[in-house]
């Protein structure tokens, strides 16, 4: 069996805060209401995405890694992670605000949940007027004052609120409190983990369960980073038809390509799978003479053994995601 560029069948997730933009903006197809997340590429246990087309149709990421090993994920990636795929790729639509939350580090997540931690990033694809994200703190506090703000329902008063627009990008390391605000549609790239500590949820009730959602403040209290930063938004350049650095972290690297021509890519030095997330327009991806088309809101995974790729578009933006660690461990 031969590897080729792979599209996966998304998994659509009900969320108390979900809306309709995955349908209306990204042309996703589902019948349920309040769908907040489209899991595009997932190796989370019980939520594995499967190949949508071609001779490998129906295979999960784990199936592919078991069969093809380093040819699929990259030799260095396979050596580090074995049969576990390291990234989870999503599109998220927040009709109403998400809970204020925080994610544990690799060390804490391993000890408590036998999981990876959850470092992640956001790329805003569409935002309603005055829509905002909450990222980090605006005011210096400590554990005691944090607890007081929680008890008094004033935690939002000390957090950093930022009005956002299309193209805004944020890196969310573990320990940084955060929330997606109402009216934001974004692409999310994260470690393969579904561990989230919810610390504030507006006292709302889930209509499906008739109950408030569980909070995890005892778990969250010792993982929060209280440091205040001058800015939380990622600054980046956007030169045409090249890979512009967006977020390079120890857990994933993401570039953005603003394409209005043909780009020839040679990935032989990367030693990793490549994931393309189309975040605007339509792009044709050409590999070994075959053309694969992805539209706004679609993803494509390029196996590590396919090094020479062409991308062709009249006007499109694509996130280029791969694994390359800064750390030796």
C-alpha atoms as a PDB file:
ATOM      1  CA  UNK A   1       0.000   0.000   0.000  1.00  0.00           C
ATOM      2  CA  UNK A   2       1.331   3.426  -0.962  1.00  0.00           C
ATOM      3  CA  UNK A   3       1.083   6.665   1.034  1.00  0.00           C
ATOM      4  CA  UNK A   4      -0.500   9.758  -0.516  1.00  0.00           C
ATOM      5  CA  UNK A   5      -1.847  13.132   0.744  1.00  0.00           C
ATOM      6  CA  UNK A   6      -4.690  12.315   3.125  1.00  0.00           C
ATOM      7  CA  UNK A   7      -7.958  13.980   4.032  1.00  0.00           C
ATOM      8  CA  UNK A   8      -9.784  12.728   7.124  1.00  0.00           C
ATOM      9  CA  UNK A   9     -13.494  12.680   7.901  1.00  0.00           C
ATOM     10  CA  UNK A  10     -14.067  15.364  10.574  1.00  0.00           C
ATOM     11  CA  UNK A  11     -15.673  14.611  13.925  1.00  0.00           C
ATOM     12  CA  UNK A  12     -18.294  17.204  14.900  1.00  0.00           C
ATOM     13  CA  UNK A  13     -18.601  18.014  18.588  1.00  0.00           C
ATOM     14  CA  UNK A  14     -21.655  19.397  20.401  1.00  0.00           C
ATOM     15  CA  UNK A  15     -20.722  22.241  22.711  1.00  0.00           C
ATOM     16  CA  UNK A  16     -22.944  24.347  24.951  1.00  0.00           C
ATOM     17  CA  UNK A  17     -21.410  27.405  23.238  1.00  0.00           C
ATOM     18  CA  UNK A  18     -21.422  26.099  19.633  1.00  0.00           C
ATOM     19  CA  UNK A  19     -23.133  27.809  16.691  1.00  0.00           C
ATOM     20  CA  UNK A  20     -23.620  27.432  12.935  1.00  0.00           C
ATOM     21  CA  UNK A  21     -20.465  28.963  11.424  1.00  0.00           C
ATOM     22  CA  UNK A  22     -18.817  25.625  10.744  1.00  0.00           C
ATOM     23  CA  UNK A  23     -21.701  25.195   8.287  1.00  0.00           C
ATOM     24  CA  UNK A  24     -22.196  28.726   7.045  1.00  0.00           C
ATOM     25  CA  UNK A  25     -18.546  29.841   6.864  1.00  0.00           C
ATOM     26  CA  UNK A  26     -16.688  26.547   6.321  1.00  0.00           C
ATOM     27  CA  UNK A  27     -19.334  24.507   4.471  1.00  0.00           C
ATOM     28  CA  UNK A  28     -19.267  21.596   6.928  1.00  0.00           C
ATOM     29  CA  UNK A  29     -22.063  19.051   6.641  1.00  0.00           C
ATOM     30  CA  UNK A  30     -23.937  17.896   9.747  1.00  0.00           C
ATOM     31  CA  UNK A  31     -27.482  17.974  11.092  1.00  0.00           C
ATOM     32  CA  UNK A  32     -26.946  18.537  14.804  1.00  0.00           C
ATOM     33  CA  UNK A  33     -27.296  21.924  16.524  1.00  0.00           C
ATOM     34  CA  UNK A  34     -24.705  23.728  18.652  1.00  0.00           C
ATOM     35  CA  UNK A  35     -21.710  22.122  16.958  1.00  0.00           C
ATOM     36  CA  UNK A  36     -18.730  24.002  18.346  1.00  0.00           C
ATOM     37  CA  UNK A  37     -15.766  21.983  17.104  1.00  0.00           C
ATOM     38  CA  UNK A  38     -14.717  20.139  13.968  1.00  0.00           C
ATOM     39  CA  UNK A  39     -11.939  17.718  14.868  1.00  0.00           C
ATOM     40  CA  UNK A  40     -10.072  17.461  11.585  1.00  0.00           C
ATOM     41  CA  UNK A  41      -7.144  15.239  12.549  1.00  0.00           C
ATOM     42  CA  UNK A  42      -7.315  13.409  15.868  1.00  0.00           C
ATOM     43  CA  UNK A  43      -5.620  10.499  17.610  1.00  0.00           C
ATOM     44  CA  UNK A  44      -7.471  11.087  20.916  1.00  0.00           C
ATOM     45  CA  UNK A  45      -8.626   7.726  22.261  1.00  0.00           C
ATOM     46  CA  UNK A  46     -12.249   7.136  21.268  1.00  0.00           C
ATOM     47  CA  UNK A  47     -12.156  10.104  18.882  1.00  0.00           C
ATOM     48  CA  UNK A  48      -9.851   8.917  16.130  1.00  0.00           C
ATOM     49  CA  UNK A  49     -10.443  10.437  12.707  1.00  0.00           C
ATOM     50  CA  UNK A  50     -10.334   8.123   9.696  1.00  0.00           C
ATOM     51  CA  UNK A  51      -9.072   8.608   6.143  1.00  0.00           C
ATOM     52  CA  UNK A  52     -11.891   9.844   3.907  1.00  0.00           C
ATOM     53  CA  UNK A  53     -10.757   8.769   0.428  1.00  0.00           C
ATOM     54  CA  UNK A  54      -8.434   6.543  -1.566  1.00  0.00           C
ATOM     55  CA  UNK A  55      -6.912   3.137  -0.952  1.00  0.00           C
ATOM     56  CA  UNK A  56      -6.320   3.901   2.750  1.00  0.00           C
ATOM     57  CA  UNK A  57      -9.940   4.972   3.369  1.00  0.00           C
ATOM     58  CA  UNK A  58     -11.166   3.989   6.845  1.00  0.00           C
ATOM     59  CA  UNK A  59      -7.711   3.842   8.447  1.00  0.00           C
ATOM     60  CA  UNK A  60      -7.062   5.847  11.616  1.00  0.00           C
ATOM     61  CA  UNK A  61      -3.887   7.783  12.375  1.00  0.00           C
ATOM     62  CA  UNK A  62      -2.861   4.958  14.701  1.00  0.00           C
ATOM     63  CA  UNK A  63      -3.410   2.400  11.926  1.00  0.00           C
ATOM     64  CA  UNK A  64      -1.236   4.410   9.559  1.00  0.00           C
ATOM     65  CA  UNK A  65       1.556   4.936  12.099  1.00  0.00           C
ATOM     66  CA  UNK A  66       1.574   1.243  12.977  1.00  0.00           C
ATOM     67  CA  UNK A  67       1.836   0.263   9.321  1.00  0.00           C
ATOM     68  CA  UNK A  68       4.103   2.943   7.871  1.00  0.00           C
ATOM     69  CA  UNK A  69       5.986   4.196  10.962  1.00  0.00           C
ATOM     70  CA  UNK A  70       8.574   6.860  10.067  1.00  0.00           C
ATOM     71  CA  UNK A  71       7.479   6.984   6.439  1.00  0.00           C
ATOM     72  CA  UNK A  72       4.166   8.376   7.686  1.00  0.00           C
ATOM     73  CA  UNK A  73       5.089  10.657  10.614  1.00  0.00           C
ATOM     74  CA  UNK A  74       8.851  11.105  10.127  1.00  0.00           C
ATOM     75  CA  UNK A  75      11.668   9.056  11.623  1.00  0.00           C
ATOM     76  CA  UNK A  76      12.403  11.519  14.440  1.00  0.00           C
ATOM     77  CA  UNK A  77       8.696  11.856  15.249  1.00  0.00           C
ATOM     78  CA  UNK A  78       8.258   8.078  15.361  1.00  0.00           C
ATOM     79  CA  UNK A  79      11.328   7.711  17.572  1.00  0.00           C
ATOM     80  CA  UNK A  80       9.904  10.243  20.055  1.00  0.00           C
ATOM     81  CA  UNK A  81       6.189   9.374  20.048  1.00  0.00           C
ATOM     82  CA  UNK A  82       5.973   5.819  18.736  1.00  0.00           C
ATOM     83  CA  UNK A  83       2.433   5.093  17.550  1.00  0.00           C
ATOM     84  CA  UNK A  84       0.920   8.193  19.220  1.00  0.00           C
ATOM     85  CA  UNK A  85       0.239  11.058  16.803  1.00  0.00           C
ATOM     86  CA  UNK A  86       1.431  14.249  18.564  1.00  0.00           C
ATOM     87  CA  UNK A  87      -1.034  16.878  17.255  1.00  0.00           C
ATOM     88  CA  UNK A  88      -4.777  17.509  17.329  1.00  0.00           C
ATOM     89  CA  UNK A  89      -6.171  19.798  14.605  1.00  0.00           C
ATOM     90  CA  UNK A  90      -9.532  21.605  14.983  1.00  0.00           C
ATOM     91  CA  UNK A  91     -11.784  24.375  13.744  1.00  0.00           C
ATOM     92  CA  UNK A  92     -13.789  26.054  16.514  1.00  0.00           C
ATOM     93  CA  UNK A  93     -16.966  28.167  16.363  1.00  0.00           C
ATOM     94  CA  UNK A  94     -17.935  30.041  19.525  1.00  0.00           C
ATOM     95  CA  UNK A  95     -21.487  31.432  19.329  1.00  0.00           C
ATOM     96  CA  UNK A  96     -21.275  32.232  23.040  1.00  0.00           C
ATOM     97  CA  UNK A  97     -18.122  32.432  25.196  1.00  0.00           C
ATOM     98  CA  UNK A  98     -16.168  29.348  26.168  1.00  0.00           C
ATOM     99  CA  UNK A  99     -15.400  28.786  29.822  1.00  0.00           C
ATOM    100  CA  UNK A 100     -12.324  30.404  31.338  1.00  0.00           C
ATOM    101  CA  UNK A 101      -9.846  27.524  31.396  1.00  0.00           C
ATOM    102  CA  UNK A 102      -6.250  26.455  31.725  1.00  0.00           C
ATOM    103  CA  UNK A 103      -4.255  23.416  30.580  1.00  0.00           C
ATOM    104  CA  UNK A 104      -1.628  21.452  32.533  1.00  0.00           C
ATOM    105  CA  UNK A 105       1.971  20.934  31.443  1.00  0.00           C
ATOM    106  CA  UNK A 106       3.285  17.683  29.985  1.00  0.00           C
ATOM    107  CA  UNK A 107       4.660  16.673  33.393  1.00  0.00           C
ATOM    108  CA  UNK A 108       1.438  17.348  35.330  1.00  0.00           C
ATOM    109  CA  UNK A 109      -0.797  15.843  32.619  1.00  0.00           C
ATOM    110  CA  UNK A 110       1.336  12.697  32.510  1.00  0.00           C
ATOM    111  CA  UNK A 111       1.240  12.282  36.290  1.00  0.00           C
ATOM    112  CA  UNK A 112      -2.485  13.034  36.737  1.00  0.00           C
ATOM    113  CA  UNK A 113      -4.070  11.842  33.482  1.00  0.00           C
ATOM    114  CA  UNK A 114      -1.445   9.757  31.648  1.00  0.00           C
ATOM    115  CA  UNK A 115      -1.775  12.292  28.837  1.00  0.00           C
ATOM    116  CA  UNK A 116       0.240  14.881  26.968  1.00  0.00           C
ATOM    117  CA  UNK A 117      -0.097  18.447  28.182  1.00  0.00           C
ATOM    118  CA  UNK A 118      -1.954  20.918  26.008  1.00  0.00           C
ATOM    119  CA  UNK A 119       0.080  23.710  24.464  1.00  0.00           C
ATOM    120  CA  UNK A 120      -1.987  25.221  21.656  1.00  0.00           C
ATOM    121  CA  UNK A 121      -2.366  28.124  19.233  1.00  0.00           C
ATOM    122  CA  UNK A 122      -5.254  30.005  17.643  1.00  0.00           C
ATOM    123  CA  UNK A 123      -5.556  31.584  14.206  1.00  0.00           C
ATOM    124  CA  UNK A 124      -8.692  33.740  13.874  1.00  0.00           C
ATOM    125  CA  UNK A 125     -10.539  32.990  10.604  1.00  0.00           C
ATOM    126  CA  UNK A 126     -13.580  35.223  11.179  1.00  0.00           C
ATOM    127  CA  UNK A 127     -14.748  37.451  14.011  1.00  0.00           C
ATOM    128  CA  UNK A 128     -17.954  39.392  14.536  1.00  0.00           C
ATOM    129  CA  UNK A 129     -17.740  43.094  15.362  1.00  0.00           C
ATOM    130  CA  UNK A 130     -16.205  43.633  18.823  1.00  0.00           C
ATOM    131  CA  UNK A 131     -15.631  39.881  19.306  1.00  0.00           C
ATOM    132  CA  UNK A 132     -12.797  39.151  21.709  1.00  0.00           C
ATOM    133  CA  UNK A 133     -10.499  36.547  23.158  1.00  0.00           C
ATOM    134  CA  UNK A 134      -9.416  36.307  26.777  1.00  0.00           C
ATOM    135  CA  UNK A 135      -5.727  35.481  27.172  1.00  0.00           C
ATOM    136  CA  UNK A 136      -3.671  35.810  30.360  1.00  0.00           C
ATOM    137  CA  UNK A 137      -3.849  38.516  33.019  1.00  0.00           C
ATOM    138  CA  UNK A 138      -3.806  42.311  32.811  1.00  0.00           C
ATOM    139  CA  UNK A 139      -3.170  42.733  36.521  1.00  0.00           C
ATOM    140  CA  UNK A 140      -0.576  41.157  38.781  1.00  0.00           C
ATOM    141  CA  UNK A 141      -2.205  38.689  41.168  1.00  0.00           C
ATOM    142  CA  UNK A 142      -1.138  35.663  43.202  1.00  0.00           C
ATOM    143  CA  UNK A 143      -2.798  32.455  44.327  1.00  0.00           C
ATOM    144  CA  UNK A 144      -4.584  34.111  47.265  1.00  0.00           C
ATOM    145  CA  UNK A 145      -5.996  37.034  45.283  1.00  0.00           C
ATOM    146  CA  UNK A 146      -6.929  34.628  42.473  1.00  0.00           C
ATOM    147  CA  UNK A 147      -8.995  32.581  44.944  1.00  0.00           C
ATOM    148  CA  UNK A 148     -10.685  35.756  46.199  1.00  0.00           C
ATOM    149  CA  UNK A 149     -11.600  36.810  42.656  1.00  0.00           C
ATOM    150  CA  UNK A 150     -13.065  33.358  42.016  1.00  0.00           C
ATOM    151  CA  UNK A 151     -15.174  33.492  45.189  1.00  0.00           C
ATOM    152  CA  UNK A 152     -16.422  36.990  44.315  1.00  0.00           C
ATOM    153  CA  UNK A 153     -17.088  36.167  40.629  1.00  0.00           C
ATOM    154  CA  UNK A 154     -14.671  38.948  39.625  1.00  0.00           C
ATOM    155  CA  UNK A 155     -12.007  36.832  37.903  1.00  0.00           C
ATOM    156  CA  UNK A 156     -12.901  38.374  34.520  1.00  0.00           C
ATOM    157  CA  UNK A 157     -11.928  41.811  35.866  1.00  0.00           C
ATOM    158  CA  UNK A 158      -8.228  40.928  36.059  1.00  0.00           C
ATOM    159  CA  UNK A 159      -7.939  38.986  32.798  1.00  0.00           C
ATOM    160  CA  UNK A 160      -6.715  40.363  29.471  1.00  0.00           C
ATOM    161  CA  UNK A 161      -9.537  40.912  26.954  1.00  0.00           C
ATOM    162  CA  UNK A 162      -8.506  41.554  23.348  1.00  0.00           C
ATOM    163  CA  UNK A 163     -10.780  42.488  20.465  1.00  0.00           C
ATOM    164  CA  UNK A 164      -9.777  40.390  17.463  1.00  0.00           C
ATOM    165  CA  UNK A 165     -10.112  40.267  13.704  1.00  0.00           C
ATOM    166  CA  UNK A 166      -9.293  37.852  10.914  1.00  0.00           C
ATOM    167  CA  UNK A 167      -5.644  36.831  10.900  1.00  0.00           C
ATOM    168  CA  UNK A 168      -4.944  37.487  14.581  1.00  0.00           C
ATOM    169  CA  UNK A 169      -2.840  34.724  16.119  1.00  0.00           C
ATOM    170  CA  UNK A 170      -2.205  33.689  19.722  1.00  0.00           C
ATOM    171  CA  UNK A 171       0.035  31.060  21.281  1.00  0.00           C
ATOM    172  CA  UNK A 172      -1.442  29.549  24.448  1.00  0.00           C
ATOM    173  CA  UNK A 173       1.242  27.736  26.475  1.00  0.00           C
ATOM    174  CA  UNK A 174       0.213  25.482  29.327  1.00  0.00           C
ATOM    175  CA  UNK A 175      -0.559  27.461  32.462  1.00  0.00           C
ATOM    176  CA  UNK A 176      -1.979  30.494  30.627  1.00  0.00           C
ATOM    177  CA  UNK A 177      -5.644  31.114  31.437  1.00  0.00           C
ATOM    178  CA  UNK A 178      -7.717  31.731  28.323  1.00  0.00           C
ATOM    179  CA  UNK A 179     -11.124  31.646  26.634  1.00  0.00           C
ATOM    180  CA  UNK A 180     -12.553  32.124  23.155  1.00  0.00           C
ATOM    181  CA  UNK A 181     -15.215  34.840  23.173  1.00  0.00           C
ATOM    182  CA  UNK A 182     -18.584  34.926  21.447  1.00  0.00           C
ATOM    183  CA  UNK A 183     -18.543  35.449  17.679  1.00  0.00           C
ATOM    184  CA  UNK A 184     -15.087  34.007  16.956  1.00  0.00           C
ATOM    185  CA  UNK A 185     -14.307  31.294  14.393  1.00  0.00           C
ATOM    186  CA  UNK A 186     -10.757  29.994  14.516  1.00  0.00           C
ATOM    187  CA  UNK A 187      -8.283  27.260  13.643  1.00  0.00           C
ATOM    188  CA  UNK A 188      -6.699  25.537  16.628  1.00  0.00           C
ATOM    189  CA  UNK A 189      -3.484  23.515  16.623  1.00  0.00           C
ATOM    190  CA  UNK A 190      -2.600  21.696  19.833  1.00  0.00           C
ATOM    191  CA  UNK A 191      -0.893  18.736  21.363  1.00  0.00           C
ATOM    192  CA  UNK A 192      -2.923  15.540  21.312  1.00  0.00           C
ATOM    193  CA  UNK A 193      -4.724  16.002  24.609  1.00  0.00           C
ATOM    194  CA  UNK A 194      -8.287  16.498  25.780  1.00  0.00           C
ATOM    195  CA  UNK A 195      -7.338  17.639  29.294  1.00  0.00           C
ATOM    196  CA  UNK A 196      -8.865  21.000  30.210  1.00  0.00           C
ATOM    197  CA  UNK A 197      -9.348  22.558  33.645  1.00  0.00           C
ATOM    198  CA  UNK A 198     -12.462  24.745  33.655  1.00  0.00           C
ATOM    199  CA  UNK A 199     -12.229  27.554  36.233  1.00  0.00           C
ATOM    200  CA  UNK A 200     -15.214  29.810  35.458  1.00  0.00           C
ATOM    201  CA  UNK A 201     -18.313  29.174  33.331  1.00  0.00           C
ATOM    202  CA  UNK A 202     -20.654  32.169  33.780  1.00  0.00           C
ATOM    203  CA  UNK A 203     -22.978  30.067  36.035  1.00  0.00           C
ATOM    204  CA  UNK A 204     -24.720  28.797  32.915  1.00  0.00           C
ATOM    205  CA  UNK A 205     -26.724  25.606  32.593  1.00  0.00           C
ATOM    206  CA  UNK A 206     -26.278  23.100  29.757  1.00  0.00           C
ATOM    207  CA  UNK A 207     -29.712  22.628  28.162  1.00  0.00           C
ATOM    208  CA  UNK A 208     -28.799  19.021  27.281  1.00  0.00           C
ATOM    209  CA  UNK A 209     -28.063  17.990  30.850  1.00  0.00           C
ATOM    210  CA  UNK A 210     -30.040  20.581  32.823  1.00  0.00           C
ATOM    211  CA  UNK A 211     -26.988  21.128  35.011  1.00  0.00           C
ATOM    212  CA  UNK A 212     -24.053  23.476  35.333  1.00  0.00           C
ATOM    213  CA  UNK A 213     -20.786  22.147  33.959  1.00  0.00           C
ATOM    214  CA  UNK A 214     -18.141  20.865  36.345  1.00  0.00           C
ATOM    215  CA  UNK A 215     -15.376  23.232  37.440  1.00  0.00           C
ATOM    216  CA  UNK A 216     -11.843  22.017  38.171  1.00  0.00           C
ATOM    217  CA  UNK A 217     -10.418  24.698  40.427  1.00  0.00           C
ATOM    218  CA  UNK A 218      -8.600  22.358  42.788  1.00  0.00           C
ATOM    219  CA  UNK A 219      -6.741  20.845  39.853  1.00  0.00           C
ATOM    220  CA  UNK A 220      -6.161  24.222  38.186  1.00  0.00           C
ATOM    221  CA  UNK A 221      -4.841  26.203  41.131  1.00  0.00           C
ATOM    222  CA  UNK A 222      -1.247  24.942  40.987  1.00  0.00           C
ATOM    223  CA  UNK A 223      -0.808  25.017  37.198  1.00  0.00           C
ATOM    224  CA  UNK A 224      -1.759  28.679  36.549  1.00  0.00           C
ATOM    225  CA  UNK A 225       0.908  31.095  35.331  1.00  0.00           C
ATOM    226  CA  UNK A 226       0.183  34.502  36.909  1.00  0.00           C
ATOM    227  CA  UNK A 227       2.827  36.419  34.945  1.00  0.00           C
ATOM    228  CA  UNK A 228       1.573  39.558  33.183  1.00  0.00           C
ATOM    229  CA  UNK A 229       2.847  40.171  29.634  1.00  0.00           C
ATOM    230  CA  UNK A 230       2.929  43.382  27.591  1.00  0.00           C
ATOM    231  CA  UNK A 231       1.258  41.596  24.704  1.00  0.00           C
ATOM    232  CA  UNK A 232      -0.261  38.166  24.130  1.00  0.00           C
ATOM    233  CA  UNK A 233      -0.844  38.384  20.393  1.00  0.00           C
ATOM    234  CA  UNK A 234       1.696  36.934  17.944  1.00  0.00           C
ATOM    235  CA  UNK A 235       3.305  39.415  15.566  1.00  0.00           C
ATOM    236  CA  UNK A 236       4.177  38.017  12.121  1.00  0.00           C
ATOM    237  CA  UNK A 237       4.984  39.068   8.573  1.00  0.00           C
ATOM    238  CA  UNK A 238       2.965  37.991   5.532  1.00  0.00           C
ATOM    239  CA  UNK A 239       5.173  37.875   2.439  1.00  0.00           C
ATOM    240  CA  UNK A 240       3.525  36.364  -0.630  1.00  0.00           C
ATOM    241  CA  UNK A 241       4.270  32.787  -1.742  1.00  0.00           C
ATOM    242  CA  UNK A 242       6.701  31.822   1.031  1.00  0.00           C
ATOM    243  CA  UNK A 243       6.422  30.128   4.416  1.00  0.00           C
ATOM    244  CA  UNK A 244       6.117  32.929   6.995  1.00  0.00           C
ATOM    245  CA  UNK A 245       6.819  31.948  10.607  1.00  0.00           C
ATOM    246  CA  UNK A 246       3.630  32.066  12.665  1.00  0.00           C
ATOM    247  CA  UNK A 247       4.204  30.056  15.866  1.00  0.00           C
ATOM    248  CA  UNK A 248       7.323  27.950  16.453  1.00  0.00           C
ATOM    249  CA  UNK A 249       7.123  26.154  19.792  1.00  0.00           C
ATOM    250  CA  UNK A 250       8.759  23.018  21.222  1.00  0.00           C
ATOM    251  CA  UNK A 251       5.513  21.146  20.493  1.00  0.00           C
ATOM    252  CA  UNK A 252       4.706  22.152  16.916  1.00  0.00           C
ATOM    253  CA  UNK A 253       5.715  24.647  14.269  1.00  0.00           C
ATOM    254  CA  UNK A 254       3.182  26.586  12.233  1.00  0.00           C
ATOM    255  CA  UNK A 255       3.860  28.812   9.234  1.00  0.00           C
ATOM    256  CA  UNK A 256       1.402  30.739   7.076  1.00  0.00           C
ATOM    257  CA  UNK A 257       1.492  30.848   3.281  1.00  0.00           C
ATOM    258  CA  UNK A 258      -0.297  33.645   1.405  1.00  0.00           C
ATOM    259  CA  UNK A 259      -0.517  32.141  -2.073  1.00  0.00           C
ATOM    260  CA  UNK A 260      -1.338  33.821  -5.409  1.00  0.00           C
ATOM    261  CA  UNK A 261       0.908  31.739  -7.672  1.00  0.00           C
ATOM    262  CA  UNK A 262       2.669  28.361  -7.618  1.00  0.00           C
ATOM    263  CA  UNK A 263       4.944  27.402  -4.705  1.00  0.00           C
ATOM    264  CA  UNK A 264       7.402  24.513  -4.902  1.00  0.00           C
ATOM    265  CA  UNK A 265       8.199  22.956  -1.514  1.00  0.00           C
ATOM    266  CA  UNK A 266      10.992  20.531  -0.641  1.00  0.00           C
ATOM    267  CA  UNK A 267      10.407  19.001   2.792  1.00  0.00           C
ATOM    268  CA  UNK A 268      13.318  16.543   2.765  1.00  0.00           C
ATOM    269  CA  UNK A 269      15.047  18.351   5.661  1.00  0.00           C
ATOM    270  CA  UNK A 270      11.932  18.486   7.874  1.00  0.00           C
ATOM    271  CA  UNK A 271      11.604  14.763   8.760  1.00  0.00           C
ATOM    272  CA  UNK A 272       7.952  15.179   9.731  1.00  0.00           C
ATOM    273  CA  UNK A 273       4.445  14.902   8.397  1.00  0.00           C
ATOM    274  CA  UNK A 274       3.054  18.224   7.113  1.00  0.00           C
ATOM    275  CA  UNK A 275      -0.513  19.368   7.753  1.00  0.00           C
ATOM    276  CA  UNK A 276      -2.116  22.031   5.563  1.00  0.00           C
ATOM    277  CA  UNK A 277      -5.082  23.902   7.023  1.00  0.00           C
ATOM    278  CA  UNK A 278      -6.769  26.072   4.410  1.00  0.00           C
ATOM    279  CA  UNK A 279      -7.939  29.222   6.206  1.00  0.00           C
ATOM    280  CA  UNK A 280      -8.941  31.272   3.153  1.00  0.00           C
ATOM    281  CA  UNK A 281      -9.776  30.532  -0.489  1.00  0.00           C
ATOM    282  CA  UNK A 282      -8.965  27.324  -2.353  1.00  0.00           C
ATOM    283  CA  UNK A 283      -5.573  25.713  -2.942  1.00  0.00           C
ATOM    284  CA  UNK A 284      -4.495  22.849  -5.186  1.00  0.00           C
ATOM    285  CA  UNK A 285      -1.845  20.617  -3.633  1.00  0.00           C
ATOM    286  CA  UNK A 286       0.132  18.608  -6.198  1.00  0.00           C
ATOM    287  CA  UNK A 287       2.092  15.490  -5.219  1.00  0.00           C
ATOM    288  CA  UNK A 288       3.616  12.956  -7.617  1.00  0.00           C
ATOM    289  CA  UNK A 289       1.454  14.227 -10.468  1.00  0.00           C
ATOM    290  CA  UNK A 290      -1.833  14.024  -8.529  1.00  0.00           C
ATOM    291  CA  UNK A 291      -3.824  17.113  -7.501  1.00  0.00           C
ATOM    292  CA  UNK A 292      -5.659  17.370  -4.175  1.00  0.00           C
ATOM    293  CA  UNK A 293      -7.924  20.388  -3.644  1.00  0.00           C
ATOM    294  CA  UNK A 294      -8.647  21.889  -0.219  1.00  0.00           C
ATOM    295  CA  UNK A 295     -11.057  24.744   0.405  1.00  0.00           C
ATOM    296  CA  UNK A 296     -11.426  27.167   3.283  1.00  0.00           C
ATOM    297  CA  UNK A 297     -11.955  25.046   6.411  1.00  0.00           C
ATOM    298  CA  UNK A 298     -10.425  21.845   5.043  1.00  0.00           C
ATOM    299  CA  UNK A 299      -7.204  20.064   5.962  1.00  0.00           C
ATOM    300  CA  UNK A 300      -4.746  17.763   4.219  1.00  0.00           C
ATOM    301  CA  UNK A 301      -1.986  15.652   5.774  1.00  0.00           C
ATOM    302  CA  UNK A 302       1.183  15.071   3.758  1.00  0.00           C
ATOM    303  CA  UNK A 303       3.028  11.907   4.889  1.00  0.00           C
ATOM    304  CA  UNK A 304       6.688  12.442   5.734  1.00  0.00           C
ATOM    305  CA  UNK A 305       7.935  10.369   2.818  1.00  0.00           C
ATOM    306  CA  UNK A 306       6.401  12.806   0.294  1.00  0.00           C
ATOM    307  CA  UNK A 307       9.019  15.537   0.162  1.00  0.00           C
ATOM    308  CA  UNK A 308       8.233  17.453  -3.032  1.00  0.00           C
ATOM    309  CA  UNK A 309       4.930  19.296  -3.011  1.00  0.00           C
ATOM    310  CA  UNK A 310       3.524  22.098  -5.189  1.00  0.00           C
ATOM    311  CA  UNK A 311       0.832  24.464  -4.005  1.00  0.00           C
ATOM    312  CA  UNK A 312      -1.172  26.479  -6.508  1.00  0.00           C
ATOM    313  CA  UNK A 313      -3.788  29.156  -5.810  1.00  0.00           C
ATOM    314  CA  UNK A 314      -5.053  32.479  -7.108  1.00  0.00           C
ATOM    315  CA  UNK A 315      -5.773  33.844  -3.628  1.00  0.00           C
ATOM    316  CA  UNK A 316      -5.526  31.545  -0.625  1.00  0.00           C
ATOM    317  CA  UNK A 317      -4.027  31.327   2.836  1.00  0.00           C
ATOM    318  CA  UNK A 318      -2.787  28.047   4.272  1.00  0.00           C
ATOM    319  CA  UNK A 319      -1.363  27.128   7.656  1.00  0.00           C
ATOM    320  CA  UNK A 320       1.613  24.781   7.299  1.00  0.00           C
ATOM    321  CA  UNK A 321       1.998  22.657  10.438  1.00  0.00           C
ATOM    322  CA  UNK A 322       4.625  20.083  11.372  1.00  0.00           C
ATOM    323  CA  UNK A 323       6.487  18.659  14.353  1.00  0.00           C
ATOM    324  CA  UNK A 324      10.053  19.692  15.067  1.00  0.00           C
ATOM    325  CA  UNK A 325      11.120  20.000  18.674  1.00  0.00           C
ATOM    326  CA  UNK A 326      13.523  22.579  20.040  1.00  0.00           C
ATOM    327  CA  UNK A 327      14.103  20.241  22.967  1.00  0.00           C
ATOM    328  CA  UNK A 328      16.282  17.168  23.151  1.00  0.00           C
ATOM    329  CA  UNK A 329      14.537  14.760  25.513  1.00  0.00           C
END
